[in-house]
Protein backbone atom coordinates (compact mmCIF):
# COMPACT_ATOMS: atom_id res chain seq x y z
CA MET A 1 -75.79 193.03 27.86
CA LYS A 2 -72.86 190.84 26.59
CA ILE A 3 -70.42 192.34 23.93
CA THR A 4 -69.12 190.23 21.46
CA LEU A 5 -66.13 191.51 19.04
CA ILE A 6 -64.70 189.20 16.13
CA SER A 7 -62.15 191.04 14.36
CA ILE A 8 -60.02 189.24 11.83
CA GLY A 9 -56.08 189.69 12.39
CA SER A 10 -54.21 187.83 15.74
CA LYS A 11 -50.95 188.46 17.58
CA MET A 12 -51.12 192.57 17.81
CA PRO A 13 -48.68 194.72 19.07
CA ALA A 14 -48.56 195.19 23.00
CA TRP A 15 -50.25 198.81 22.78
CA VAL A 16 -53.48 197.75 20.89
CA GLN A 17 -53.85 195.12 23.55
CA ALA A 18 -53.34 197.63 26.16
CA GLY A 19 -55.05 200.01 24.87
CA PHE A 20 -58.30 197.39 24.08
CA GLU A 21 -58.03 195.80 27.46
CA GLU A 22 -58.20 199.58 29.15
CA TYR A 23 -61.54 199.76 27.68
CA GLN A 24 -62.69 196.14 28.18
CA LYS A 25 -62.25 196.78 31.76
CA ARG A 26 -63.99 199.74 32.05
CA LEU A 27 -67.09 197.88 30.52
CA GLN A 28 -66.64 194.40 32.45
CA SER A 29 -69.31 194.96 34.76
CA ASP A 30 -72.33 196.20 32.33
CA TRP A 31 -71.34 195.62 29.53
CA PRO A 32 -68.99 192.74 29.60
CA LEU A 33 -67.00 192.81 26.13
CA THR A 34 -65.17 189.45 24.73
CA LEU A 35 -62.67 189.92 21.88
CA ILE A 36 -62.50 186.66 19.32
CA GLU A 37 -59.66 186.45 16.88
CA ILE A 38 -59.70 185.02 13.52
CA PRO A 39 -56.49 184.28 12.17
CA LEU A 40 -55.80 186.13 9.15
CA ALA A 41 -56.03 184.09 6.40
CA LYS A 42 -52.02 183.24 4.47
CA ARG A 43 -51.78 186.33 1.48
CA GLN A 44 -49.31 185.18 -1.15
CA LYS A 45 -48.27 187.09 -3.83
CA ASN A 46 -50.40 185.31 -5.95
CA SER A 47 -53.37 183.87 -3.52
CA GLU A 48 -56.78 184.55 -4.92
CA ASN A 49 -58.51 186.90 -2.46
CA LEU A 50 -62.05 185.82 -2.49
CA ALA A 51 -61.79 182.80 -1.65
CA LEU A 52 -59.77 183.72 1.26
CA ILE A 53 -62.15 186.33 2.24
CA LYS A 54 -64.55 183.53 2.28
CA LYS A 55 -62.87 181.36 4.52
CA GLU A 56 -62.36 184.46 6.84
CA GLY A 57 -65.85 184.73 6.18
CA GLU A 58 -66.82 181.22 7.64
CA LYS A 59 -64.93 181.24 10.69
CA MET A 60 -66.32 184.47 11.87
CA LEU A 61 -70.22 183.37 11.08
CA ALA A 62 -69.26 179.85 13.53
CA ALA A 63 -68.56 182.25 16.15
CA ILE A 64 -71.02 184.69 16.11
CA PRO A 65 -73.22 183.55 19.40
CA LYS A 66 -76.71 182.89 18.98
CA ASN A 67 -79.11 185.41 19.07
CA SER A 68 -76.77 188.09 18.58
CA PHE A 69 -77.69 191.19 16.91
CA VAL A 70 -74.80 191.35 14.67
CA ILE A 71 -73.31 194.85 13.89
CA THR A 72 -70.28 194.86 10.73
CA LEU A 73 -67.85 197.42 10.68
CA GLU A 74 -67.51 198.75 6.96
CA ILE A 75 -66.23 201.73 4.42
CA GLY A 76 -69.98 201.86 3.33
CA GLY A 77 -71.41 201.47 6.68
CA LYS A 78 -73.95 203.82 8.13
CA ARG A 79 -71.90 207.01 10.01
CA LEU A 80 -73.42 207.30 13.71
CA SER A 81 -72.32 209.81 16.31
CA THR A 82 -71.46 208.08 19.84
CA GLU A 83 -75.41 208.99 20.85
CA ALA A 84 -76.70 207.65 17.63
CA LEU A 85 -74.23 204.26 18.60
CA ALA A 86 -75.99 204.25 22.35
CA LYS A 87 -79.30 204.48 20.84
CA THR A 88 -78.48 201.83 18.26
CA ILE A 89 -77.42 199.09 21.06
CA THR A 90 -80.57 200.37 23.57
CA ASP A 91 -82.93 200.35 20.60
CA SER A 92 -81.41 196.68 19.21
CA GLN A 93 -83.00 195.35 22.61
CA SER A 94 -80.63 192.02 22.11
CA ALA A 95 -79.18 190.32 25.09
CA HIS A 96 -76.07 190.12 23.02
CA LEU A 97 -74.07 192.32 20.49
CA CYS A 98 -71.86 191.06 18.16
CA PHE A 99 -69.58 193.94 16.35
CA LEU A 100 -67.32 192.01 13.10
CA ILE A 101 -64.08 193.84 12.02
CA GLY A 102 -63.12 192.52 8.67
CA GLY A 103 -59.78 191.92 7.35
CA PRO A 104 -57.63 194.66 4.70
CA GLU A 105 -59.94 193.52 1.56
CA GLY A 106 -62.78 193.91 4.13
CA LEU A 107 -65.98 191.29 4.68
CA ALA A 108 -66.85 188.26 3.03
CA HIS A 109 -70.41 188.77 1.23
CA ASP A 110 -72.09 186.01 3.40
CA VAL A 111 -71.31 188.18 6.75
CA LEU A 112 -72.90 191.45 5.30
CA LYS A 113 -75.45 189.47 4.50
CA ARG A 114 -75.85 188.04 8.21
CA SER A 115 -75.28 191.57 9.67
CA ASP A 116 -78.36 193.47 10.97
CA ALA A 117 -76.89 196.64 10.67
CA LYS A 118 -73.65 198.18 9.18
CA ILE A 119 -71.84 200.88 10.54
CA SER A 120 -68.16 203.02 9.62
CA LEU A 121 -66.16 204.27 12.65
CA SER A 122 -64.68 207.22 10.06
CA ASP A 123 -64.72 208.67 6.51
CA LEU A 124 -60.39 207.93 7.17
CA THR A 125 -59.14 204.87 6.38
CA LEU A 126 -58.22 203.21 9.70
CA PRO A 127 -55.72 200.13 10.54
CA HIS A 128 -58.04 197.27 11.69
CA PRO A 129 -55.40 197.57 15.09
CA LEU A 130 -56.96 200.65 15.67
CA VAL A 131 -60.46 199.88 14.98
CA ARG A 132 -60.44 197.34 17.73
CA ILE A 133 -59.15 200.27 20.25
CA VAL A 134 -61.68 203.10 18.91
CA LEU A 135 -64.59 200.58 19.11
CA ALA A 136 -64.20 199.74 22.26
CA GLU A 137 -63.77 203.23 23.48
CA GLN A 138 -66.95 204.05 21.43
CA LEU A 139 -68.93 201.66 23.03
CA TYR A 140 -67.65 202.87 26.74
CA ARG A 141 -68.28 206.09 25.81
CA ALA A 142 -71.83 204.89 24.81
CA LEU A 143 -72.46 203.03 28.15
CA THR A 144 -71.47 205.95 30.21
CA ILE A 145 -74.07 208.44 27.69
CA THR A 146 -76.82 205.62 28.73
CA GLN A 147 -75.78 206.01 32.31
CA GLY A 148 -75.85 210.20 32.29
CA HIS A 149 -71.66 209.91 33.52
CA PRO A 150 -69.80 212.27 32.94
CA TYR A 151 -66.83 211.22 30.61
CA HIS A 152 -68.53 211.94 27.27
CA LYS A 153 -69.16 215.61 27.98
């Protein structure tokens, strides 16, 4: 199975890249994880956020690999345990999973409509760069659960 993470925002701090790459490396042999960064549309004091979100959404939709099972991360999404995430991944029976992380104002309506599942990592509001690391770690943890590896214990 391949996994793609499409995220709004680029030019992350070194600690974000290092954290993400650590879990990306751990996943590589079983669930290769690819990151696609969509640059954050430039916000101005009086900019129309809905138009910016829509533009970001169009770029996200264009980047989704064909025949992917798409999971969006959003505040109103279903809260899952790590075990439930592992089950969701294995039950998807898809050769390609695609996770989407929106920008500061969230995801475009069209992106949410394309989603096959909507999940939330926490009731807490997390900074988007940190979400990348948390998701990558949870994917690795889910993989270890499916393999009976002691990492999860």
